[in-house]
Amino acid sequence: MKIVAFEFNYFGVNTYIVWDETTREAAIVDPGMLNQNECDIFANFIKDNKLNVKYLINTHMHIDHVMGDDFVADKYNIGISANKEDAFLGSGREMQAQMFHLRKVKTSPLKIEHQLKQGDKLFLGSEWLEIVEVPGHSPGSIALYSPSDKFIITGDALFNGSIGRTDLAGGDYSTLINNIKNNLLSLPPETIVYPGHGPSTTIYKEKTQNPFLH
């Protein structure tokens, strides 16, 4: 599979497109597009690469990671896939916008149409992304693991040299640390980590150097 990242909105969210080169089936992960220019950049990439959008996935439903959900859902006629434990964040998007003093963002409720849980597989052609639950940053935080291509998209659970904040609704520090150690650091050390913000890293680097995990 191929993967590309775009950095969108003023939170610097990494929006990922993952696709199968043979079938051109694609998964969109954490669409963060805020304005028309960002939507055009995204849509033009989909068009130019002749991709067929099969999944719209949120690793979690904090507002910075769902700003482009409406655009993707409407343009490609597709429902949102996420963990049910974050449903309250999707339905409470207006509350999130008020908390961060955000203006000019869509605040209508978002509904999860396809619930994702530990071990689920989302197929793109003959390959797949496997769901790994990593609650702690939010109650429904998930990661997307490709065993064949040895990468994982971690949302805001694990970053290069850091971890996600746990002071927002439903967050819990010890839960996050335990899930990172048990469900992420147990992956092969060469696994590439694609986080929700900032540069990529590897499981080996985070296991040996991340100051929050020692």
Protein backbone atom coordinates (compact mmCIF):
# COMPACT_ATOMS: atom_id res chain seq x y z
CA MET A 1 0.00 0.00 0.00
CA LYS A 2 0.97 3.60 -0.48
CA ILE A 3 0.50 6.39 2.03
CA VAL A 4 0.67 10.17 1.79
CA ALA A 5 0.23 12.83 4.45
CA PHE A 6 -1.17 16.37 4.26
CA GLU A 7 -0.90 18.90 7.07
CA PHE A 8 -4.18 20.77 7.44
CA ASN A 9 -5.82 23.46 9.60
CA TYR A 10 -4.24 25.63 12.28
CA PHE A 11 -3.72 22.63 14.57
CA GLY A 12 -1.37 21.07 12.00
CA VAL A 13 -3.32 17.82 11.74
CA ASN A 14 -1.81 15.07 9.62
CA THR A 15 -4.48 13.83 7.22
CA TYR A 16 -3.51 10.52 5.62
CA ILE A 17 -4.56 8.88 2.39
CA VAL A 18 -3.73 5.16 2.19
CA TRP A 19 -4.40 3.23 -1.00
CA ASP A 20 -3.86 -0.02 -2.86
CA GLU A 21 -1.89 0.54 -6.04
CA THR A 22 -3.71 -2.18 -7.99
CA THR A 23 -7.35 -1.48 -7.18
CA ARG A 24 -6.90 2.24 -6.31
CA GLU A 25 -9.14 1.68 -3.28
CA ALA A 26 -8.35 4.32 -0.67
CA ALA A 27 -8.89 5.08 3.01
CA ILE A 28 -9.00 8.65 4.28
CA VAL A 29 -7.78 9.02 7.86
CA ASP A 30 -8.53 12.09 10.00
CA PRO A 31 -9.60 14.60 7.34
CA GLY A 32 -8.62 17.97 8.79
CA MET A 33 -9.42 20.27 5.89
CA LEU A 34 -10.62 23.63 7.20
CA ASN A 35 -11.14 25.81 4.11
CA GLN A 36 -11.81 25.54 0.41
CA ASN A 37 -8.14 25.67 -0.53
CA GLU A 38 -7.34 22.69 1.67
CA CYS A 39 -10.37 20.81 0.33
CA ASP A 40 -9.20 21.49 -3.24
CA ILE A 41 -5.67 20.23 -2.50
CA PHE A 42 -7.14 17.05 -1.07
CA ALA A 43 -9.72 16.46 -3.81
CA ASN A 44 -7.24 17.14 -6.60
CA PHE A 45 -4.90 14.49 -5.22
CA ILE A 46 -7.73 11.96 -5.15
CA LYS A 47 -8.70 12.86 -8.72
CA ASP A 48 -5.17 13.00 -10.15
CA ASN A 49 -4.34 9.58 -8.71
CA LYS A 50 -7.67 8.07 -9.78
CA LEU A 51 -8.46 6.86 -6.28
CA ASN A 52 -11.72 5.26 -5.20
CA VAL A 53 -12.49 6.39 -1.64
CA LYS A 54 -13.71 3.34 0.28
CA TYR A 55 -13.31 4.43 3.92
CA LEU A 56 -13.50 7.62 5.96
CA ILE A 57 -11.80 6.82 9.28
CA ASN A 58 -11.30 8.90 12.39
CA THR A 59 -8.62 7.72 14.80
CA HIS A 60 -10.56 9.77 17.34
CA MET A 61 -13.14 12.54 17.16
CA HIS A 62 -11.51 15.62 18.61
CA ILE A 63 -12.55 18.58 16.53
CA ASP A 64 -9.20 19.19 14.82
CA HIS A 65 -9.30 15.69 13.33
CA VAL A 66 -12.88 15.88 12.02
CA MET A 67 -12.97 19.31 10.39
CA GLY A 68 -13.03 17.74 6.92
CA ASP A 69 -15.40 14.87 7.69
CA ASP A 70 -18.39 16.67 6.19
CA PHE A 71 -16.54 17.40 2.95
CA VAL A 72 -15.30 13.83 2.49
CA ALA A 73 -18.62 12.25 3.47
CA ASP A 74 -20.61 14.45 1.09
CA LYS A 75 -18.23 14.40 -1.86
CA TYR A 76 -17.58 10.67 -1.84
CA ASN A 77 -20.93 9.52 -0.40
CA ILE A 78 -19.38 7.62 2.47
CA GLY A 79 -20.08 7.24 6.18
CA ILE A 80 -17.76 7.81 9.11
CA SER A 81 -15.88 4.85 10.62
CA ALA A 82 -14.65 5.22 14.21
CA ASN A 83 -14.80 3.66 17.66
CA LYS A 84 -18.17 4.01 19.39
CA GLU A 85 -16.56 5.30 22.60
CA ASP A 86 -15.88 8.61 20.81
CA ALA A 87 -19.47 9.06 19.63
CA PHE A 88 -20.07 11.71 22.29
CA LEU A 89 -17.26 13.81 20.82
CA GLY A 90 -18.77 13.63 17.35
CA SER A 91 -22.22 14.57 18.56
CA GLY A 92 -20.74 17.32 20.73
CA ARG A 93 -18.72 19.08 18.07
CA GLU A 94 -20.29 22.45 18.92
CA MET A 95 -19.18 22.08 22.54
CA GLN A 96 -15.64 21.32 21.37
CA ALA A 97 -15.60 24.40 19.13
CA GLN A 98 -16.70 26.59 22.05
CA MET A 99 -14.06 25.11 24.33
CA PHE A 100 -11.28 25.99 21.87
CA HIS A 101 -12.88 29.34 20.91
CA LEU A 102 -13.07 28.24 17.30
CA ARG A 103 -14.96 30.20 14.70
CA LYS A 104 -15.79 29.44 11.09
CA VAL A 105 -15.71 25.68 11.64
CA LYS A 106 -18.60 23.31 11.15
CA THR A 107 -20.20 22.36 14.44
CA SER A 108 -23.12 20.18 13.34
CA PRO A 109 -23.17 16.77 15.06
CA LEU A 110 -21.27 13.90 13.46
CA LYS A 111 -22.59 10.35 13.61
CA ILE A 112 -20.46 7.21 13.48
CA GLU A 113 -22.00 4.94 10.84
CA HIS A 114 -19.45 2.12 10.99
CA GLN A 115 -18.16 1.15 14.43
CA LEU A 116 -14.56 -0.04 14.62
CA LYS A 117 -13.12 -2.23 17.37
CA GLN A 118 -9.93 -4.10 18.23
CA GLY A 119 -8.94 -6.60 15.54
CA ASP A 120 -11.26 -5.35 12.79
CA LYS A 121 -9.72 -5.40 9.31
CA LEU A 122 -10.44 -2.79 6.63
CA PHE A 123 -9.50 -4.18 3.24
CA LEU A 124 -7.96 -2.15 0.44
CA GLY A 125 -7.61 -4.60 -2.40
CA SER A 126 -6.04 -7.75 -0.97
CA GLU A 127 -4.29 -5.91 1.89
CA TRP A 128 -5.77 -4.42 5.01
CA LEU A 129 -5.51 -2.00 7.88
CA GLU A 130 -6.02 -3.63 11.26
CA ILE A 131 -7.70 -1.74 14.11
CA VAL A 132 -5.68 -1.39 17.32
CA GLU A 133 -7.45 0.20 20.27
CA VAL A 134 -5.33 2.74 22.21
CA PRO A 135 -7.72 4.66 24.49
CA GLY A 136 -6.35 7.26 26.86
CA HIS A 137 -6.09 10.40 24.75
CA SER A 138 -9.80 9.89 24.14
CA PRO A 139 -11.95 6.92 25.18
CA GLY A 140 -12.27 5.68 21.60
CA SER A 141 -8.79 6.33 20.23
CA ILE A 142 -7.69 3.76 17.66
CA ALA A 143 -4.64 3.15 15.51
CA LEU A 144 -4.49 1.62 12.01
CA TYR A 145 -1.83 -1.03 11.49
CA SER A 146 -0.58 -2.41 8.19
CA PRO A 147 1.27 -5.67 8.97
CA SER A 148 2.35 -6.13 5.35
CA ASP A 149 3.85 -2.67 4.91
CA LYS A 150 4.93 -2.32 8.54
CA PHE A 151 3.41 1.04 9.42
CA ILE A 152 0.84 2.26 11.92
CA ILE A 153 -1.21 5.46 11.99
CA THR A 154 -1.51 6.36 15.67
CA GLY A 155 -3.66 9.48 15.74
CA ASP A 156 -2.88 11.43 18.91
CA ALA A 157 -1.91 8.42 21.04
CA LEU A 158 1.80 8.34 20.19
CA PHE A 159 4.01 11.03 18.67
CA ASN A 160 7.67 11.38 17.78
CA GLY A 161 9.14 11.79 21.25
CA SER A 162 5.83 12.42 22.97
CA ILE A 163 2.32 11.16 23.71
CA GLY A 164 -1.17 12.59 23.45
CA ARG A 165 -2.59 14.92 26.07
CA THR A 166 -4.96 13.35 28.57
CA ASP A 167 -6.66 16.40 30.09
CA LEU A 168 -9.61 16.50 27.67
CA ALA A 169 -12.97 14.79 28.21
CA GLY A 170 -12.54 11.06 28.71
CA GLY A 171 -8.75 11.19 28.73
CA ASP A 172 -6.70 9.20 31.22
CA TYR A 173 -2.91 9.20 31.54
CA SER A 174 -2.35 5.73 32.99
CA THR A 175 -4.77 4.21 30.48
CA LEU A 176 -2.89 5.81 27.60
CA ILE A 177 0.54 4.74 28.85
CA ASN A 178 -0.61 1.15 29.39
CA ASN A 179 -2.19 0.92 25.95
CA ILE A 180 0.85 2.38 24.23
CA LYS A 181 3.13 -0.10 25.97
CA ASN A 182 0.88 -3.12 25.47
CA ASN A 183 -0.65 -2.46 22.04
CA LEU A 184 1.87 -0.28 20.19
CA LEU A 185 5.36 -0.94 21.54
CA SER A 186 4.73 -4.67 21.13
CA LEU A 187 4.75 -4.23 17.34
CA PRO A 188 7.90 -5.01 15.32
CA PRO A 189 10.56 -2.39 16.10
CA GLU A 190 10.96 -1.38 12.45
CA THR A 191 7.28 -0.39 12.22
CA ILE A 192 6.94 3.20 10.98
CA VAL A 193 4.72 5.37 13.17
CA TYR A 194 2.61 8.01 11.41
CA PRO A 195 1.17 10.27 14.13
CA GLY A 196 -1.70 12.74 14.11
CA HIS A 197 0.69 15.71 14.34
CA GLY A 198 4.34 16.16 13.54
CA PRO A 199 6.94 13.93 11.84
CA SER A 200 6.94 10.15 11.58
CA THR A 201 9.03 7.91 13.81
CA THR A 202 9.47 4.21 14.50
CA ILE A 203 8.37 1.84 17.23
CA TYR A 204 12.03 1.19 18.05
CA LYS A 205 12.81 4.87 18.54
CA GLU A 206 9.79 5.47 20.77
CA LYS A 207 10.40 2.31 22.77
CA THR A 208 14.00 3.27 23.48
CA GLN A 209 13.96 7.09 23.53
CA ASN A 210 10.48 8.45 24.27
CA PRO A 211 10.81 10.10 27.74
CA PHE A 212 7.14 9.46 28.58
CA LEU A 213 7.55 5.69 28.24
CA HIS A 214 10.42 5.10 30.70
